[in-house]
Amino acid sequence: MTKDTDSPVTAAADRTLTTSRVFDAPRELVYRAWTDPKQFAKWFPPDGFTAPRCELDVRPGGTIRVDMHGAEPWLGDFYGKTFPGKGVYREVVPNERLSFTFQGEGEGAENSPPPILMTVVFEAQGRKTKLTIHQTADTVAGYDEMVKMGATEGLRQSLDKLTELVEGKRPDTSVMVTGRTLTLTRVFDAPRDLVWRAYTDPAHIVKWMFSNDWESPFAETDLRAGGKFRIGMRPADHSEEGFTFDGTYRDVVRPERIVQVIGDGRVMKTTFDDLGGKTKLTLSVEMSESEEQEREGWTQILEHFAQHLATVPRR
């Protein structure tokens, strides 16, 4: 066991991307998925890619080799191409921590993300596991390129597959935390126009915009840039007066995206992607409460949205 003094936890924030997720699986099971080559190959490549070569020598100084192969036609120019990648393990603390470098090599390396140091922290939370991943680029320019190439979305796709592996199913709502921003993604079996209407119409909002044991007695929306929104929030048993969730719309592009500035200055962005009859909704919000509270509350809200959406007639 070795400790790396160049921990990304203390690395410059302007070149480190930090993401966390909680898995409903014991820590030993999640750690094994990171260290068993057969399991790692199943989930580490993002959507549409496979790992025909996956070699993990999990010890300080050991080599990691993973080749990413574009296996799906919808990948466009990446279809049929293989992108080799390799790195070296710097730190291995069983069931607690892994740290390794990773970068593309050979032909196709120019289409790979820049070299990174990836540090993974496994934290037991009863029978669950909180995974925190730090991706640190060598330079600020490298960090900017990593983000530009979609590192956040690629990792989300990989962690969705890891969830499926260790929990036995893909999550209905995938949740990631990057810095102080919570991002939730869910695919609804409904056309985009219907999802947009259920998300923005006050008559619909009062049916779903609340966490468990709460309710929304009223909703008012002026859906345009500069327009205001007000949504009442109170306990369902009326034991408290509650509060008003309010703010201003900064940007509205029907039916693609909404950017809202909440009354306390935090920003919330929602995008709606058409998936051929289905809709991928991605909601990002700057957190004001603890990560656990925000994660739980917004996950419950999207679950209520899904339940309501299922009752809305298609027209």
Protein backbone atom coordinates (compact mmCIF):
# COMPACT_ATOMS: atom_id res chain seq x y z
CA MET A 1 0.00 0.00 0.00
CA THR A 2 1.33 3.43 -0.91
CA LYS A 3 0.03 6.94 -0.37
CA ASP A 4 0.37 9.43 -3.19
CA THR A 5 1.35 12.88 -1.97
CA ASP A 6 -0.05 14.53 -5.12
CA SER A 7 -3.65 13.92 -4.08
CA PRO A 8 -6.26 15.41 -6.43
CA VAL A 9 -8.28 16.30 -3.36
CA THR A 10 -5.73 19.04 -2.75
CA ALA A 11 -4.95 19.68 -6.43
CA ALA A 12 -5.90 22.96 -8.03
CA ALA A 13 -9.66 23.12 -8.48
CA ASP A 14 -9.22 24.56 -11.96
CA ARG A 15 -7.88 21.25 -13.29
CA THR A 16 -9.83 18.66 -11.28
CA LEU A 17 -13.31 17.34 -12.10
CA THR A 18 -14.92 15.73 -9.03
CA THR A 19 -17.99 13.52 -9.25
CA SER A 20 -19.80 11.38 -6.67
CA ARG A 21 -22.56 8.79 -6.69
CA VAL A 22 -24.15 6.47 -4.12
CA PHE A 23 -24.66 2.79 -5.02
CA ASP A 24 -27.10 0.45 -3.31
CA ALA A 25 -24.40 -2.19 -2.95
CA PRO A 26 -21.70 -3.00 -0.35
CA ARG A 27 -18.29 -1.39 -0.71
CA GLU A 28 -16.48 -4.68 -1.38
CA LEU A 29 -18.76 -5.40 -4.35
CA VAL A 30 -18.25 -1.94 -5.86
CA TYR A 31 -14.47 -2.13 -5.35
CA ARG A 32 -14.36 -5.54 -7.06
CA ALA A 33 -16.09 -4.05 -10.11
CA TRP A 34 -13.15 -1.62 -10.38
CA THR A 35 -10.45 -4.27 -9.99
CA ASP A 36 -11.79 -7.37 -11.77
CA PRO A 37 -10.92 -7.04 -15.51
CA LYS A 38 -14.05 -8.90 -16.64
CA GLN A 39 -16.34 -6.64 -14.64
CA PHE A 40 -14.40 -3.45 -15.45
CA ALA A 41 -14.71 -4.17 -19.18
CA LYS A 42 -18.49 -4.41 -18.87
CA TRP A 43 -19.08 -0.94 -17.45
CA PHE A 44 -16.04 1.34 -17.92
CA PRO A 45 -16.57 2.12 -21.64
CA PRO A 46 -19.28 4.75 -22.25
CA ASP A 47 -22.44 3.94 -24.22
CA GLY A 48 -21.84 2.40 -27.63
CA PHE A 49 -18.30 1.26 -26.80
CA THR A 50 -16.90 -2.10 -25.71
CA ALA A 51 -13.54 -3.05 -24.21
CA PRO A 52 -12.13 -5.98 -26.22
CA ARG A 53 -8.88 -5.61 -24.30
CA CYS A 54 -8.92 -4.97 -20.56
CA GLU A 55 -5.87 -5.73 -18.44
CA LEU A 56 -5.61 -4.57 -14.82
CA ASP A 57 -2.47 -5.16 -12.77
CA VAL A 58 -3.90 -3.68 -9.59
CA ARG A 59 -0.84 -2.81 -7.51
CA PRO A 60 1.28 0.33 -7.14
CA GLY A 61 3.33 0.53 -10.35
CA GLY A 62 1.06 -1.96 -12.13
CA THR A 63 -0.28 -1.23 -15.59
CA ILE A 64 -3.88 -0.65 -16.68
CA ARG A 65 -4.70 -1.19 -20.36
CA VAL A 66 -8.18 -0.67 -21.79
CA ASP A 67 -9.00 -0.51 -25.49
CA MET A 68 -12.28 1.26 -26.34
CA HIS A 69 -14.01 -0.02 -29.48
CA GLY A 70 -16.87 1.83 -31.19
CA ALA A 71 -19.45 -0.94 -31.53
CA GLU A 72 -22.61 0.96 -32.50
CA PRO A 73 -23.36 2.59 -35.89
CA TRP A 74 -24.91 5.64 -34.19
CA LEU A 75 -21.42 6.61 -33.00
CA GLY A 76 -20.77 7.99 -36.48
CA ASP A 77 -17.07 8.50 -37.18
CA PHE A 78 -16.13 6.49 -34.06
CA TYR A 79 -18.01 3.38 -35.27
CA GLY A 80 -15.68 0.46 -35.92
CA LYS A 81 -12.62 2.27 -34.55
CA THR A 82 -10.55 1.18 -31.57
CA PHE A 83 -8.95 3.63 -29.15
CA PRO A 84 -6.21 2.05 -26.99
CA GLY A 85 -5.58 3.51 -23.56
CA LYS A 86 -3.11 2.79 -20.80
CA GLY A 87 -1.99 4.02 -17.41
CA VAL A 88 -0.21 3.12 -14.20
CA TYR A 89 -1.61 2.51 -10.72
CA ARG A 90 -0.13 4.94 -8.22
CA GLU A 91 -2.09 3.97 -5.14
CA VAL A 92 -4.05 0.87 -4.15
CA VAL A 93 -5.82 0.63 -0.78
CA PRO A 94 -8.23 -2.35 -1.01
CA ASN A 95 -11.90 -1.36 -0.62
CA GLU A 96 -10.92 2.24 0.15
CA ARG A 97 -8.99 3.97 -2.61
CA LEU A 98 -7.55 3.60 -6.10
CA SER A 99 -5.40 6.08 -8.00
CA PHE A 100 -4.14 5.60 -11.54
CA THR A 101 -3.08 7.57 -14.59
CA PHE A 102 -4.81 7.04 -17.93
CA GLN A 103 -4.31 8.34 -21.47
CA GLY A 104 -4.89 7.37 -25.07
CA GLU A 105 -2.04 5.89 -27.10
CA GLY A 106 -1.22 4.93 -30.66
CA GLU A 107 -3.51 5.59 -33.60
CA GLY A 108 -6.59 7.53 -32.54
CA ALA A 109 -4.93 9.09 -29.49
CA GLU A 110 -5.70 12.54 -30.87
CA ASN A 111 -9.42 11.73 -30.44
CA SER A 112 -8.94 10.61 -26.83
CA PRO A 113 -9.23 12.82 -23.73
CA PRO A 114 -5.96 14.34 -22.44
CA PRO A 115 -3.89 12.45 -19.83
CA ILE A 116 -5.53 12.35 -16.41
CA LEU A 117 -4.92 11.13 -12.89
CA MET A 118 -8.06 9.35 -11.69
CA THR A 119 -8.52 8.85 -7.96
CA VAL A 120 -11.47 6.82 -6.70
CA VAL A 121 -12.58 6.87 -3.06
CA PHE A 122 -14.92 4.15 -1.74
CA GLU A 123 -16.90 5.15 1.36
CA ALA A 124 -19.14 2.64 3.16
CA GLN A 125 -22.57 3.99 4.11
CA GLY A 126 -24.14 0.99 5.81
CA ARG A 127 -24.98 -1.45 3.01
CA LYS A 128 -24.49 1.30 0.44
CA THR A 129 -21.33 2.79 -1.05
CA LYS A 130 -20.53 6.40 -1.84
CA LEU A 131 -18.09 6.64 -4.73
CA THR A 132 -16.13 9.87 -5.22
CA ILE A 133 -14.07 10.22 -8.39
CA HIS A 134 -11.46 12.93 -8.96
CA GLN A 135 -10.23 13.36 -12.55
CA THR A 136 -7.19 15.63 -12.55
CA ALA A 137 -5.63 16.89 -15.78
CA ASP A 138 -1.96 17.79 -16.01
CA THR A 139 -2.77 21.39 -16.99
CA VAL A 140 -5.69 23.80 -17.00
CA ALA A 141 -5.75 23.54 -20.80
CA GLY A 142 -5.94 19.77 -20.48
CA TYR A 143 -8.83 20.13 -18.04
CA ASP A 144 -10.69 22.42 -20.44
CA GLU A 145 -10.19 19.88 -23.25
CA MET A 146 -11.37 17.03 -21.01
CA VAL A 147 -14.60 18.89 -20.23
CA LYS A 148 -15.07 19.93 -23.86
CA MET A 149 -14.80 16.30 -24.99
CA GLY A 150 -17.68 15.30 -22.69
CA ALA A 151 -15.92 13.76 -19.70
CA THR A 152 -18.90 14.42 -17.42
CA GLU A 153 -21.44 12.77 -19.73
CA GLY A 154 -19.11 9.87 -20.54
CA LEU A 155 -18.57 9.15 -16.85
CA ARG A 156 -22.31 9.36 -16.22
CA GLN A 157 -22.91 6.71 -18.86
CA SER A 158 -20.20 4.49 -17.38
CA LEU A 159 -21.54 4.85 -13.85
CA ASP A 160 -25.05 4.02 -15.05
CA LYS A 161 -23.63 0.75 -16.36
CA LEU A 162 -21.77 0.21 -13.08
CA THR A 163 -25.08 0.70 -11.25
CA GLU A 164 -26.66 -1.95 -13.45
CA LEU A 165 -23.77 -4.31 -12.73
CA VAL A 166 -23.68 -3.99 -8.93
CA GLU A 167 -27.41 -3.37 -8.29
CA GLY A 168 -28.84 -5.60 -11.01
CA LYS A 169 -30.66 -2.77 -12.79
CA ARG A 170 -30.06 0.60 -14.37
CA PRO A 171 -31.21 3.53 -12.25
CA ASP A 172 -34.49 5.20 -13.19
CA THR A 173 -32.81 8.49 -12.39
CA SER A 174 -29.04 8.80 -12.56
CA VAL A 175 -27.62 11.30 -10.11
CA MET A 176 -24.17 12.85 -10.14
CA VAL A 177 -22.52 15.60 -8.13
CA THR A 178 -19.77 17.72 -9.63
CA GLY A 179 -18.47 20.34 -7.24
CA ARG A 180 -21.62 21.94 -5.80
CA THR A 181 -23.79 21.10 -8.81
CA LEU A 182 -26.26 18.22 -8.68
CA THR A 183 -27.18 16.69 -12.06
CA LEU A 184 -30.07 14.28 -12.54
CA THR A 185 -30.84 12.48 -15.80
CA ARG A 186 -33.88 10.38 -16.64
CA VAL A 187 -35.41 9.05 -19.86
CA PHE A 188 -39.20 9.21 -20.12
CA ASP A 189 -41.27 7.09 -22.48
CA ALA A 190 -43.11 10.13 -23.79
CA PRO A 191 -42.61 12.62 -26.65
CA ARG A 192 -40.67 15.78 -25.92
CA ASP A 193 -43.62 18.15 -26.41
CA LEU A 194 -45.61 16.25 -23.77
CA VAL A 195 -42.71 16.21 -21.30
CA TRP A 196 -42.20 19.95 -21.86
CA ARG A 197 -45.88 20.69 -21.23
CA ALA A 198 -46.02 18.61 -18.04
CA TYR A 199 -42.83 20.30 -16.82
CA THR A 200 -43.87 23.89 -17.49
CA ASP A 201 -47.67 24.13 -17.18
CA PRO A 202 -48.74 25.28 -13.67
CA ALA A 203 -51.72 22.91 -13.74
CA HIS A 204 -49.23 20.04 -14.08
CA ILE A 205 -46.48 21.44 -11.85
CA VAL A 206 -48.67 21.27 -8.73
CA LYS A 207 -49.07 17.53 -9.36
CA TRP A 208 -45.37 16.66 -9.06
CA MET A 209 -43.09 19.51 -7.92
CA PHE A 210 -42.52 18.32 -4.33
CA SER A 211 -40.53 15.73 -2.40
CA ASN A 212 -42.08 12.97 -0.32
CA ASP A 213 -44.61 14.11 2.31
CA TRP A 214 -44.81 17.58 0.75
CA GLU A 215 -47.21 19.22 -1.71
CA SER A 216 -47.42 22.22 -4.03
CA PRO A 217 -50.57 24.26 -3.32
CA PHE A 218 -49.98 26.67 -6.21
CA ALA A 219 -47.71 27.36 -9.20
CA GLU A 220 -47.33 30.48 -11.33
CA THR A 221 -45.10 30.67 -14.41
CA ASP A 222 -44.35 33.41 -16.94
CA LEU A 223 -42.39 31.19 -19.31
CA ARG A 224 -40.10 33.63 -21.11
CA ALA A 225 -36.66 35.12 -20.58
CA GLY A 226 -37.09 37.63 -17.76
CA GLY A 227 -40.38 36.10 -16.66
CA LYS A 228 -41.01 35.07 -13.05
CA PHE A 229 -41.98 31.75 -11.48
CA ARG A 230 -43.49 30.99 -8.06
CA ILE A 231 -44.23 27.53 -6.68
CA GLY A 232 -45.67 26.94 -3.22
CA MET A 233 -44.12 24.24 -1.04
CA ARG A 234 -45.58 22.95 2.23
CA PRO A 235 -45.80 19.70 4.24
CA ALA A 236 -48.68 17.53 3.09
CA ASP A 237 -50.01 17.38 6.67
CA HIS A 238 -50.00 21.21 6.85
CA SER A 239 -47.90 21.04 10.03
CA GLU A 240 -45.87 24.00 8.82
CA GLU A 241 -46.59 27.05 6.70
CA GLY A 242 -43.98 26.06 4.10
CA PHE A 243 -42.23 28.39 1.66
CA THR A 244 -42.25 29.67 -1.91
CA PHE A 245 -39.74 28.41 -4.47
CA ASP A 246 -39.37 31.38 -6.80
CA GLY A 247 -37.08 33.14 -9.22
CA THR A 248 -36.63 34.29 -12.81
CA TYR A 249 -36.31 32.56 -16.16
CA ARG A 250 -32.95 33.45 -17.69
CA ASP A 251 -33.36 31.48 -20.93
CA VAL A 252 -36.27 29.60 -22.51
CA VAL A 253 -35.94 27.68 -25.78
CA ARG A 254 -39.06 25.62 -26.47
CA PRO A 255 -38.97 22.63 -26.22
CA GLU A 256 -35.21 22.26 -25.69
CA ARG A 257 -34.04 23.99 -22.53
CA ILE A 258 -34.90 26.20 -19.58
CA VAL A 259 -32.45 28.13 -17.41
CA GLN A 260 -33.79 29.49 -14.14
CA VAL A 261 -32.22 31.75 -11.53
CA ILE A 262 -33.64 30.84 -8.14
CA GLY A 263 -34.41 33.62 -5.67
CA ASP A 264 -31.22 33.01 -3.69
CA GLY A 265 -29.08 33.34 -6.84
CA ARG A 266 -28.52 29.66 -7.59
CA VAL A 267 -28.90 28.52 -11.20
CA MET A 268 -31.01 25.58 -12.38
CA LYS A 269 -30.89 24.29 -15.95
CA THR A 270 -33.17 21.70 -17.56
CA THR A 271 -32.66 20.26 -21.03
CA PHE A 272 -35.03 18.06 -23.05
CA ASP A 273 -33.46 15.75 -25.67
CA ASP A 274 -35.66 14.04 -28.26
CA LEU A 275 -34.85 10.31 -28.44
CA GLY A 276 -37.25 9.32 -31.19
CA GLY A 277 -40.50 9.25 -29.23
CA LYS A 278 -38.82 9.23 -25.84
CA THR A 279 -37.31 12.18 -23.98
CA LYS A 280 -34.12 12.49 -21.97
CA LEU A 281 -34.51 15.12 -19.28
CA THR A 282 -31.35 16.46 -17.64
CA LEU A 283 -31.69 18.76 -14.64
CA SER A 284 -28.68 20.52 -13.09
CA VAL A 285 -29.03 22.64 -9.98
CA GLU A 286 -26.55 24.38 -7.71
CA MET A 287 -26.95 22.95 -4.21
CA SER A 288 -27.71 24.97 -1.08
CA GLU A 289 -28.28 22.09 1.36
CA SER A 290 -26.19 18.98 2.03
CA GLU A 291 -25.49 16.65 -0.88
CA GLU A 292 -27.59 13.91 0.73
CA GLN A 293 -30.61 16.19 1.20
CA GLU A 294 -30.43 17.61 -2.31
CA ARG A 295 -29.88 14.21 -3.92
CA GLU A 296 -32.82 12.65 -2.08
CA GLY A 297 -35.19 15.56 -2.56
CA TRP A 298 -34.65 16.07 -6.30
CA THR A 299 -34.71 12.32 -6.99
CA GLN A 300 -38.11 12.14 -5.29
CA ILE A 301 -39.34 15.14 -7.29
CA LEU A 302 -38.39 13.49 -10.61
CA GLU A 303 -40.05 10.26 -9.46
CA HIS A 304 -43.25 12.20 -8.81
CA PHE A 305 -42.88 13.83 -12.23
CA ALA A 306 -42.60 10.36 -13.84
CA GLN A 307 -45.69 9.15 -11.98
CA HIS A 308 -47.70 12.19 -13.06
CA LEU A 309 -46.43 12.08 -16.65
CA ALA A 310 -47.73 8.53 -16.95
CA THR A 311 -51.26 9.82 -16.29
CA VAL A 312 -51.18 12.68 -18.83
CA PRO A 313 -53.10 11.87 -22.06
CA ARG A 314 -51.11 12.08 -25.28
CA ARG A 315 -52.66 14.34 -27.88
